[in-house]
Amino acid sequence: MEFFLWVAFPYICLTLLIGGMIWRWKTDQFGWTSRSSQMYESKILRISSPLFHLGIIFVGIGHIMGLVFPKAVTNAMGVSEHSYHLVATIGGTVAGIMTILGLIGLLYRRFVIKSVRLATSRNDKIMYVLLLIPICLGATATTMNQIFGQPGGYDYRETIGPWFRSLFMLQPDPALMADVPLTFKMHIVAGFLLFAVWPFTRLVHVVSAPVGYMTRPYVVYRSREAATGTTPTPSGWQPVDRSSDDYYTGGARPSGA
């Protein structure tokens, strides 16, 4: 089980993430979108969406700093361990609160506002569940181990960080995860599971940046009036006043009329 959770499972999820992205791009480019529901409801979205997106961005930056960069990097920058954990805990808590509040608002409008609920697919519901679980577990792990845990918090850069980097060096070391608190383990498993389904949900829009938006050509809208059409208007019978000589305008007057 230890080998599966900390070696096989991460590689399976990362393979699905990368391979799924490539497959989705090749087979469903028109579906590569966030499928915005702003047209159905905008008041709650105007507050919840920025809160969630800004919060999750800062959470992601914190994960990168803690897992990708070893202690040697921050020590070389003159950042002490106490200062690092203090900033990481306070900053992570603020970012986590922003993320959770924003997600609560998004979930409320998604499942309570009828117009938005009707536009929610089964795939969206699964995605929201798999997104909610790692976020809640991450908040629980931070609260239990970093805020109310042992003094100084749990030093995940001695265990989780080296294990995470070992995966990308193709030398996975599951022994590093043996003594990691259960809440962190559950958070990691839920996070990798989210990566596995990522390409098959609306979350694909995260890896798309509207780089060409400012320089793209204007969208041209054309009228359907005859003056701007390329196909001539077909002639036909146009009934008018029966007493008029122009009663029949589609051709000559019938004989005997």
C-alpha atoms as a PDB file:
ATOM      1  CA  MET A   1       0.000   0.000   0.000  1.00  0.00           C
ATOM      2  CA  GLU A   2       2.821   2.425   0.815  1.00  0.00           C
ATOM      3  CA  PHE A   3       4.406   1.753  -2.576  1.00  0.00           C
ATOM      4  CA  PHE A   4       1.094   2.266  -4.361  1.00  0.00           C
ATOM      5  CA  LEU A   5       0.193   5.505  -2.543  1.00  0.00           C
ATOM      6  CA  TRP A   6       3.572   7.224  -2.751  1.00  0.00           C
ATOM      7  CA  VAL A   7       5.037   5.792  -5.970  1.00  0.00           C
ATOM      8  CA  ALA A   8       2.527   4.206  -8.346  1.00  0.00           C
ATOM      9  CA  PHE A   9      -0.477   6.424  -7.650  1.00  0.00           C
ATOM     10  CA  PRO A  10       1.314   9.767  -8.204  1.00  0.00           C
ATOM     11  CA  TYR A  11       2.772   8.540 -11.496  1.00  0.00           C
ATOM     12  CA  ILE A  12      -0.629   7.270 -12.659  1.00  0.00           C
ATOM     13  CA  CYS A  13      -2.226  10.635 -11.858  1.00  0.00           C
ATOM     14  CA  LEU A  14       0.544  12.633 -13.531  1.00  0.00           C
ATOM     15  CA  THR A  15       0.306  10.423 -16.624  1.00  0.00           C
ATOM     16  CA  LEU A  16      -3.433  11.027 -16.796  1.00  0.00           C
ATOM     17  CA  LEU A  17      -2.845  14.759 -16.314  1.00  0.00           C
ATOM     18  CA  ILE A  18      -0.314  15.117 -19.127  1.00  0.00           C
ATOM     19  CA  GLY A  19      -1.791  12.532 -21.485  1.00  0.00           C
ATOM     20  CA  GLY A  20      -5.319  13.761 -20.848  1.00  0.00           C
ATOM     21  CA  MET A  21      -4.356  17.343 -21.654  1.00  0.00           C
ATOM     22  CA  ILE A  22      -2.857  16.291 -24.973  1.00  0.00           C
ATOM     23  CA  TRP A  23      -5.876  14.116 -25.812  1.00  0.00           C
ATOM     24  CA  ARG A  24      -8.340  16.845 -24.844  1.00  0.00           C
ATOM     25  CA  TRP A  25      -6.553  19.444 -26.960  1.00  0.00           C
ATOM     26  CA  LYS A  26      -6.509  17.192 -30.001  1.00  0.00           C
ATOM     27  CA  THR A  27     -10.099  16.007 -29.743  1.00  0.00           C
ATOM     28  CA  ASP A  28     -12.053  18.793 -28.032  1.00  0.00           C
ATOM     29  CA  GLN A  29     -10.563  22.228 -28.602  1.00  0.00           C
ATOM     30  CA  PHE A  30     -14.013  23.812 -28.793  1.00  0.00           C
ATOM     31  CA  GLY A  31     -14.764  22.366 -25.347  1.00  0.00           C
ATOM     32  CA  TRP A  32     -11.533  23.785 -23.902  1.00  0.00           C
ATOM     33  CA  THR A  33     -13.300  26.472 -21.921  1.00  0.00           C
ATOM     34  CA  SER A  34     -14.448  27.400 -18.438  1.00  0.00           C
ATOM     35  CA  ARG A  35     -18.067  27.404 -19.658  1.00  0.00           C
ATOM     36  CA  SER A  36     -18.854  30.661 -17.917  1.00  0.00           C
ATOM     37  CA  SER A  37     -22.237  30.957 -16.208  1.00  0.00           C
ATOM     38  CA  GLN A  38     -22.049  34.734 -15.764  1.00  0.00           C
ATOM     39  CA  MET A  39     -25.066  35.253 -17.996  1.00  0.00           C
ATOM     40  CA  TYR A  40     -27.226  33.354 -15.485  1.00  0.00           C
ATOM     41  CA  GLU A  41     -26.034  35.159 -12.329  1.00  0.00           C
ATOM     42  CA  SER A  42     -23.379  37.830 -11.858  1.00  0.00           C
ATOM     43  CA  LYS A  43     -23.770  39.460  -8.415  1.00  0.00           C
ATOM     44  CA  ILE A  44     -22.424  36.553  -6.346  1.00  0.00           C
ATOM     45  CA  LEU A  45     -19.949  35.637  -9.074  1.00  0.00           C
ATOM     46  CA  ARG A  46     -18.491  39.159  -9.030  1.00  0.00           C
ATOM     47  CA  ILE A  47     -17.368  38.635  -5.427  1.00  0.00           C
ATOM     48  CA  SER A  48     -16.795  34.887  -5.166  1.00  0.00           C
ATOM     49  CA  SER A  49     -14.799  34.353  -8.347  1.00  0.00           C
ATOM     50  CA  PRO A  50     -12.002  36.863  -7.601  1.00  0.00           C
ATOM     51  CA  LEU A  51     -11.791  35.637  -3.999  1.00  0.00           C
ATOM     52  CA  PHE A  52     -11.446  32.015  -5.071  1.00  0.00           C
ATOM     53  CA  HIS A  53      -9.053  32.584  -7.965  1.00  0.00           C
ATOM     54  CA  LEU A  54      -6.736  34.947  -6.096  1.00  0.00           C
ATOM     55  CA  GLY A  55      -6.763  32.671  -3.069  1.00  0.00           C
ATOM     56  CA  ILE A  56      -6.010  29.514  -5.042  1.00  0.00           C
ATOM     57  CA  ILE A  57      -3.199  31.274  -6.932  1.00  0.00           C
ATOM     58  CA  PHE A  58      -1.481  32.224  -3.673  1.00  0.00           C
ATOM     59  CA  VAL A  59      -2.092  28.717  -2.322  1.00  0.00           C
ATOM     60  CA  GLY A  60      -0.422  27.295  -5.425  1.00  0.00           C
ATOM     61  CA  ILE A  61       2.558  29.631  -5.062  1.00  0.00           C
ATOM     62  CA  GLY A  62       2.910  28.539  -1.439  1.00  0.00           C
ATOM     63  CA  HIS A  63       2.891  24.873  -2.449  1.00  0.00           C
ATOM     64  CA  ILE A  64       5.564  25.489  -5.071  1.00  0.00           C
ATOM     65  CA  MET A  65       7.766  27.339  -2.600  1.00  0.00           C
ATOM     66  CA  GLY A  66       7.398  24.652   0.044  1.00  0.00           C
ATOM     67  CA  LEU A  67       7.680  21.551  -2.115  1.00  0.00           C
ATOM     68  CA  VAL A  68       9.893  22.489  -5.042  1.00  0.00           C
ATOM     69  CA  PHE A  69      12.522  24.675  -3.375  1.00  0.00           C
ATOM     70  CA  PRO A  70      14.606  22.905  -0.701  1.00  0.00           C
ATOM     71  CA  LYS A  71      15.802  24.494   2.506  1.00  0.00           C
ATOM     72  CA  ALA A  72      19.183  25.238   0.981  1.00  0.00           C
ATOM     73  CA  VAL A  73      17.582  27.783  -1.348  1.00  0.00           C
ATOM     74  CA  THR A  74      15.822  29.798   1.362  1.00  0.00           C
ATOM     75  CA  ASN A  75      18.865  29.537   3.647  1.00  0.00           C
ATOM     76  CA  ALA A  76      21.050  30.917   0.863  1.00  0.00           C
ATOM     77  CA  MET A  77      18.592  33.821   0.554  1.00  0.00           C
ATOM     78  CA  GLY A  78      19.059  34.583   4.248  1.00  0.00           C
ATOM     79  CA  VAL A  79      15.574  33.434   5.313  1.00  0.00           C
ATOM     80  CA  SER A  80      15.603  31.638   8.654  1.00  0.00           C
ATOM     81  CA  GLU A  81      13.436  28.594   9.312  1.00  0.00           C
ATOM     82  CA  HIS A  82      11.339  30.453  11.877  1.00  0.00           C
ATOM     83  CA  SER A  83      10.707  33.330   9.477  1.00  0.00           C
ATOM     84  CA  TYR A  84       9.866  30.958   6.638  1.00  0.00           C
ATOM     85  CA  HIS A  85       7.319  28.965   8.641  1.00  0.00           C
ATOM     86  CA  LEU A  86       5.817  32.140  10.108  1.00  0.00           C
ATOM     87  CA  VAL A  87       5.290  33.707   6.679  1.00  0.00           C
ATOM     88  CA  ALA A  88       4.129  30.407   5.167  1.00  0.00           C
ATOM     89  CA  THR A  89       1.604  29.804   7.960  1.00  0.00           C
ATOM     90  CA  ILE A  90       0.165  33.334   8.022  1.00  0.00           C
ATOM     91  CA  GLY A  91       0.167  33.738   4.251  1.00  0.00           C
ATOM     92  CA  GLY A  92      -1.196  30.245   3.705  1.00  0.00           C
ATOM     93  CA  THR A  93      -3.971  30.823   6.244  1.00  0.00           C
ATOM     94  CA  VAL A  94      -5.066  34.073   4.601  1.00  0.00           C
ATOM     95  CA  ALA A  95      -4.949  32.508   1.133  1.00  0.00           C
ATOM     96  CA  GLY A  96      -6.830  29.458   2.388  1.00  0.00           C
ATOM     97  CA  ILE A  97      -9.589  31.592   3.916  1.00  0.00           C
ATOM     98  CA  MET A  98      -9.944  33.532   0.652  1.00  0.00           C
ATOM     99  CA  THR A  99     -10.140  30.278  -1.312  1.00  0.00           C
ATOM    100  CA  ILE A 100     -12.730  28.685   0.979  1.00  0.00           C
ATOM    101  CA  LEU A 101     -14.948  31.776   1.133  1.00  0.00           C
ATOM    102  CA  GLY A 102     -14.817  32.143  -2.639  1.00  0.00           C
ATOM    103  CA  LEU A 103     -15.571  28.452  -3.135  1.00  0.00           C
ATOM    104  CA  ILE A 104     -18.540  28.632  -0.754  1.00  0.00           C
ATOM    105  CA  GLY A 105     -19.978  31.476  -2.817  1.00  0.00           C
ATOM    106  CA  LEU A 106     -19.405  29.593  -6.075  1.00  0.00           C
ATOM    107  CA  LEU A 107     -21.010  26.447  -4.691  1.00  0.00           C
ATOM    108  CA  TYR A 108     -23.974  28.436  -3.351  1.00  0.00           C
ATOM    109  CA  ARG A 109     -24.749  30.024  -6.709  1.00  0.00           C
ATOM    110  CA  ARG A 110     -24.047  26.766  -8.527  1.00  0.00           C
ATOM    111  CA  PHE A 111     -26.517  24.654  -6.553  1.00  0.00           C
ATOM    112  CA  VAL A 112     -28.983  27.175  -5.064  1.00  0.00           C
ATOM    113  CA  ILE A 113     -29.538  29.631  -7.911  1.00  0.00           C
ATOM    114  CA  LYS A 114     -31.910  27.730 -10.181  1.00  0.00           C
ATOM    115  CA  SER A 115     -30.699  29.107 -13.509  1.00  0.00           C
ATOM    116  CA  VAL A 116     -27.090  28.226 -12.687  1.00  0.00           C
ATOM    117  CA  ARG A 117     -28.058  24.824 -11.285  1.00  0.00           C
ATOM    118  CA  LEU A 118     -29.850  23.908 -14.501  1.00  0.00           C
ATOM    119  CA  ALA A 119     -26.685  24.733 -16.447  1.00  0.00           C
ATOM    120  CA  THR A 120     -24.582  22.454 -14.216  1.00  0.00           C
ATOM    121  CA  SER A 121     -23.653  19.102 -15.714  1.00  0.00           C
ATOM    122  CA  ARG A 122     -22.888  15.853 -13.886  1.00  0.00           C
ATOM    123  CA  ASN A 123     -19.238  16.348 -14.818  1.00  0.00           C
ATOM    124  CA  ASP A 124     -19.302  19.746 -13.082  1.00  0.00           C
ATOM    125  CA  LYS A 125     -20.731  18.248  -9.901  1.00  0.00           C
ATOM    126  CA  ILE A 126     -17.994  15.610  -9.760  1.00  0.00           C
ATOM    127  CA  MET A 127     -15.380  18.280 -10.404  1.00  0.00           C
ATOM    128  CA  TYR A 128     -16.657  20.469  -7.571  1.00  0.00           C
ATOM    129  CA  VAL A 129     -16.582  17.555  -5.127  1.00  0.00           C
ATOM    130  CA  LEU A 130     -13.027  16.592  -6.106  1.00  0.00           C
ATOM    131  CA  LEU A 131     -12.004  20.251  -5.821  1.00  0.00           C
ATOM    132  CA  LEU A 132     -13.649  20.746  -2.442  1.00  0.00           C
ATOM    133  CA  ILE A 133     -12.061  17.686  -0.794  1.00  0.00           C
ATOM    134  CA  PRO A 134      -8.339  18.609  -1.141  1.00  0.00           C
ATOM    135  CA  ILE A 135      -9.033  22.238  -0.254  1.00  0.00           C
ATOM    136  CA  CYS A 136     -10.829  21.257   2.967  1.00  0.00           C
ATOM    137  CA  LEU A 137      -8.181  18.654   3.811  1.00  0.00           C
ATOM    138  CA  GLY A 138      -5.417  21.188   3.197  1.00  0.00           C
ATOM    139  CA  ALA A 139      -7.124  23.672   5.509  1.00  0.00           C
ATOM    140  CA  THR A 140      -7.557  20.938   8.137  1.00  0.00           C
ATOM    141  CA  ALA A 141      -3.902  19.896   7.894  1.00  0.00           C
ATOM    142  CA  THR A 142      -2.720  23.492   8.234  1.00  0.00           C
ATOM    143  CA  THR A 143      -4.994  24.143  11.216  1.00  0.00           C
ATOM    144  CA  MET A 144      -4.169  20.946  13.096  1.00  0.00           C
ATOM    145  CA  ASN A 145      -0.430  20.797  12.444  1.00  0.00           C
ATOM    146  CA  GLN A 146       0.770  24.328  11.734  1.00  0.00           C
ATOM    147  CA  ILE A 147      -1.490  26.538  13.876  1.00  0.00           C
ATOM    148  CA  PHE A 148      -2.548  24.350  16.806  1.00  0.00           C
ATOM    149  CA  GLY A 149       0.087  21.631  16.467  1.00  0.00           C
ATOM    150  CA  GLN A 150       3.590  21.393  17.860  1.00  0.00           C
ATOM    151  CA  PRO A 151       5.541  24.645  18.364  1.00  0.00           C
ATOM    152  CA  GLY A 152       6.967  25.780  15.050  1.00  0.00           C
ATOM    153  CA  GLY A 153       4.560  23.569  13.111  1.00  0.00           C
ATOM    154  CA  TYR A 154       5.251  20.382  11.208  1.00  0.00           C
ATOM    155  CA  ASP A 155       8.369  20.671   9.033  1.00  0.00           C
ATOM    156  CA  TYR A 156       7.039  19.233   5.777  1.00  0.00           C
ATOM    157  CA  ARG A 157      10.190  20.381   3.963  1.00  0.00           C
ATOM    158  CA  GLU A 158      12.063  17.530   5.630  1.00  0.00           C
ATOM    159  CA  THR A 159       9.688  14.824   4.412  1.00  0.00           C
ATOM    160  CA  ILE A 160       6.975  15.796   1.911  1.00  0.00           C
ATOM    161  CA  GLY A 161       9.205  18.198  -0.015  1.00  0.00           C
ATOM    162  CA  PRO A 162      12.058  15.714  -0.657  1.00  0.00           C
ATOM    163  CA  TRP A 163       9.539  12.963  -1.494  1.00  0.00           C
ATOM    164  CA  PHE A 164       7.774  15.228  -4.003  1.00  0.00           C
ATOM    165  CA  ARG A 165      11.053  16.166  -5.690  1.00  0.00           C
ATOM    166  CA  SER A 166      12.135  12.518  -5.778  1.00  0.00           C
ATOM    167  CA  LEU A 167       9.151  11.730  -8.003  1.00  0.00           C
ATOM    168  CA  PHE A 168      10.387  14.114 -10.691  1.00  0.00           C
ATOM    169  CA  MET A 169      13.950  12.853 -10.392  1.00  0.00           C
ATOM    170  CA  LEU A 170      12.540   9.349 -11.102  1.00  0.00           C
ATOM    171  CA  GLN A 171      13.959   8.134  -7.801  1.00  0.00           C
ATOM    172  CA  PRO A 172      10.835   7.979  -5.600  1.00  0.00           C
ATOM    173  CA  ASP A 173      11.470   7.425  -1.906  1.00  0.00           C
ATOM    174  CA  PRO A 174       8.214   6.340  -0.199  1.00  0.00           C
ATOM    175  CA  ALA A 175      10.013   5.929   3.135  1.00  0.00           C
ATOM    176  CA  LEU A 176       9.996   9.715   3.508  1.00  0.00           C
ATOM    177  CA  MET A 177       6.197   9.618   3.859  1.00  0.00           C
ATOM    178  CA  ALA A 178       6.123   7.042   6.656  1.00  0.00           C
ATOM    179  CA  ASP A 179       5.814   9.494   9.579  1.00  0.00           C
ATOM    180  CA  VAL A 180       3.870  12.263   7.808  1.00  0.00           C
ATOM    181  CA  PRO A 181       0.648  13.238   9.664  1.00  0.00           C
ATOM    182  CA  LEU A 182      -2.484  11.582   8.329  1.00  0.00           C
ATOM    183  CA  THR A 183      -4.148  14.877   7.401  1.00  0.00           C
ATOM    184  CA  PHE A 184      -1.255  15.759   5.096  1.00  0.00           C
ATOM    185  CA  LYS A 185      -1.346  12.281   3.543  1.00  0.00           C
ATOM    186  CA  MET A 186      -5.061  12.565   2.816  1.00  0.00           C
ATOM    187  CA  HIS A 187      -4.540  16.041   1.364  1.00  0.00           C
ATOM    188  CA  ILE A 188      -1.818  14.742  -0.977  1.00  0.00           C
ATOM    189  CA  VAL A 189      -3.875  11.775  -2.189  1.00  0.00           C
ATOM    190  CA  ALA A 190      -6.905  13.999  -2.816  1.00  0.00           C
ATOM    191  CA  GLY A 191      -4.720  16.513  -4.645  1.00  0.00           C
ATOM    192  CA  PHE A 192      -3.282  13.887  -7.006  1.00  0.00           C
ATOM    193  CA  LEU A 193      -6.765  12.521  -7.626  1.00  0.00           C
ATOM    194  CA  LEU A 194      -7.831  16.018  -8.670  1.00  0.00           C
ATOM    195  CA  PHE A 195      -4.878  16.146 -11.091  1.00  0.00           C
ATOM    196  CA  ALA A 196      -6.016  12.831 -12.593  1.00  0.00           C
ATOM    197  CA  VAL A 197      -9.470  14.155 -13.532  1.00  0.00           C
ATOM    198  CA  TRP A 198      -8.260  17.665 -14.365  1.00  0.00           C
ATOM    199  CA  PRO A 199      -8.068  17.232 -18.188  1.00  0.00           C
ATOM    200  CA  PHE A 200     -11.607  15.861 -18.387  1.00  0.00           C
ATOM    201  CA  THR A 201     -13.314  18.811 -16.658  1.00  0.00           C
ATOM    202  CA  ARG A 202     -13.681  22.557 -17.148  1.00  0.00           C
ATOM    203  CA  LEU A 203     -10.481  22.977 -15.110  1.00  0.00           C
ATOM    204  CA  VAL A 204      -8.504  22.746 -18.358  1.00  0.00           C
ATOM    205  CA  HIS A 205      -8.987  26.501 -18.746  1.00  0.00           C
ATOM    206  CA  VAL A 206      -6.400  26.996 -15.991  1.00  0.00           C
ATOM    207  CA  VAL A 207      -3.532  26.175 -18.374  1.00  0.00           C
ATOM    208  CA  SER A 208      -4.817  28.566 -21.039  1.00  0.00           C
ATOM    209  CA  ALA A 209      -3.733  32.209 -21.008  1.00  0.00           C
ATOM    210  CA  PRO A 210      -5.433  34.774 -23.275  1.00  0.00           C
ATOM    211  CA  VAL A 211      -2.065  35.984 -24.561  1.00  0.00           C
ATOM    212  CA  GLY A 212      -3.389  37.026 -27.966  1.00  0.00           C
ATOM    213  CA  TYR A 213      -6.519  38.720 -26.684  1.00  0.00           C
ATOM    214  CA  MET A 214      -5.155  42.268 -26.924  1.00  0.00           C
ATOM    215  CA  THR A 215      -3.829  41.827 -30.465  1.00  0.00           C
ATOM    216  CA  ARG A 216      -6.498  39.637 -32.027  1.00  0.00           C
ATOM    217  CA  PRO A 217      -8.591  41.091 -34.884  1.00  0.00           C
ATOM    218  CA  TYR A 218     -11.950  42.633 -34.153  1.00  0.00           C
ATOM    219  CA  VAL A 219     -14.965  40.382 -34.428  1.00  0.00           C
ATOM    220  CA  VAL A 220     -16.950  41.615 -37.444  1.00  0.00           C
ATOM    221  CA  TYR A 221     -20.733  41.486 -37.269  1.00  0.00           C
ATOM    222  CA  ARG A 222     -22.574  41.837 -40.583  1.00  0.00           C
ATOM    223  CA  SER A 223     -26.178  42.766 -41.185  1.00  0.00           C
ATOM    224  CA  ARG A 224     -28.531  40.417 -43.008  1.00  0.00           C
ATOM    225  CA  GLU A 225     -30.022  43.266 -45.031  1.00  0.00           C
ATOM    226  CA  ALA A 226     -30.154  42.849 -48.789  1.00  0.00           C
ATOM    227  CA  ALA A 227     -27.852  45.799 -49.356  1.00  0.00           C
ATOM    228  CA  THR A 228     -24.969  43.985 -47.711  1.00  0.00           C
ATOM    229  CA  GLY A 229     -25.806  40.496 -48.850  1.00  0.00           C
ATOM    230  CA  THR A 230     -23.899  38.673 -51.563  1.00  0.00           C
ATOM    231  CA  THR A 231     -26.922  36.658 -52.781  1.00  0.00           C
ATOM    232  CA  PRO A 232     -29.614  38.571 -54.720  1.00  0.00           C
ATOM    233  CA  THR A 233     -33.082  38.592 -53.222  1.00  0.00           C
ATOM    234  CA  PRO A 234     -35.239  36.106 -55.176  1.00  0.00           C
ATOM    235  CA  SER A 235     -38.153  37.571 -57.107  1.00  0.00           C
ATOM    236  CA  GLY A 236     -41.653  36.388 -56.417  1.00  0.00           C
ATOM    237  CA  TRP A 237     -45.335  37.288 -56.404  1.00  0.00           C
ATOM    238  CA  GLN A 238     -46.123  40.203 -54.155  1.00  0.00           C
ATOM    239  CA  PRO A 239     -49.901  40.724 -53.842  1.00  0.00           C
ATOM    240  CA  VAL A 240     -51.036  44.327 -53.701  1.00  0.00           C
ATOM    241  CA  ASP A 241     -54.360  46.097 -54.123  1.00  0.00           C
ATOM    242  CA  ARG A 242     -56.487  44.114 -56.576  1.00  0.00           C
ATOM    243  CA  SER A 243     -57.596  47.320 -58.305  1.00  0.00           C
ATOM    244  CA  SER A 244     -54.025  48.270 -59.117  1.00  0.00           C
ATOM    245  CA  ASP A 245     -52.327  47.484 -62.397  1.00  0.00           C
ATOM    246  CA  ASP A 246     -49.344  46.370 -60.307  1.00  0.00           C
ATOM    247  CA  TYR A 247     -51.348  43.558 -58.727  1.00  0.00           C
ATOM    248  CA  TYR A 248     -48.993  41.016 -60.295  1.00  0.00           C
ATOM    249  CA  THR A 249     -45.402  42.120 -59.989  1.00  0.00           C
ATOM    250  CA  GLY A 250     -43.760  38.800 -60.589  1.00  0.00           C
ATOM    251  CA  GLY A 251     -44.418  38.900 -64.346  1.00  0.00           C
ATOM    252  CA  ALA A 252     -46.797  40.147 -67.097  1.00  0.00           C
ATOM    253  CA  ARG A 253     -50.506  40.583 -66.475  1.00  0.00           C
ATOM    254  CA  PRO A 254     -52.457  37.393 -67.234  1.00  0.00           C
ATOM    255  CA  SER A 255     -54.311  37.389 -70.535  1.00  0.00           C
ATOM    256  CA  GLY A 256     -57.924  38.556 -70.326  1.00  0.00           C
ATOM    257  CA  ALA A 257     -57.319  40.533 -67.189  1.00  0.00           C
END
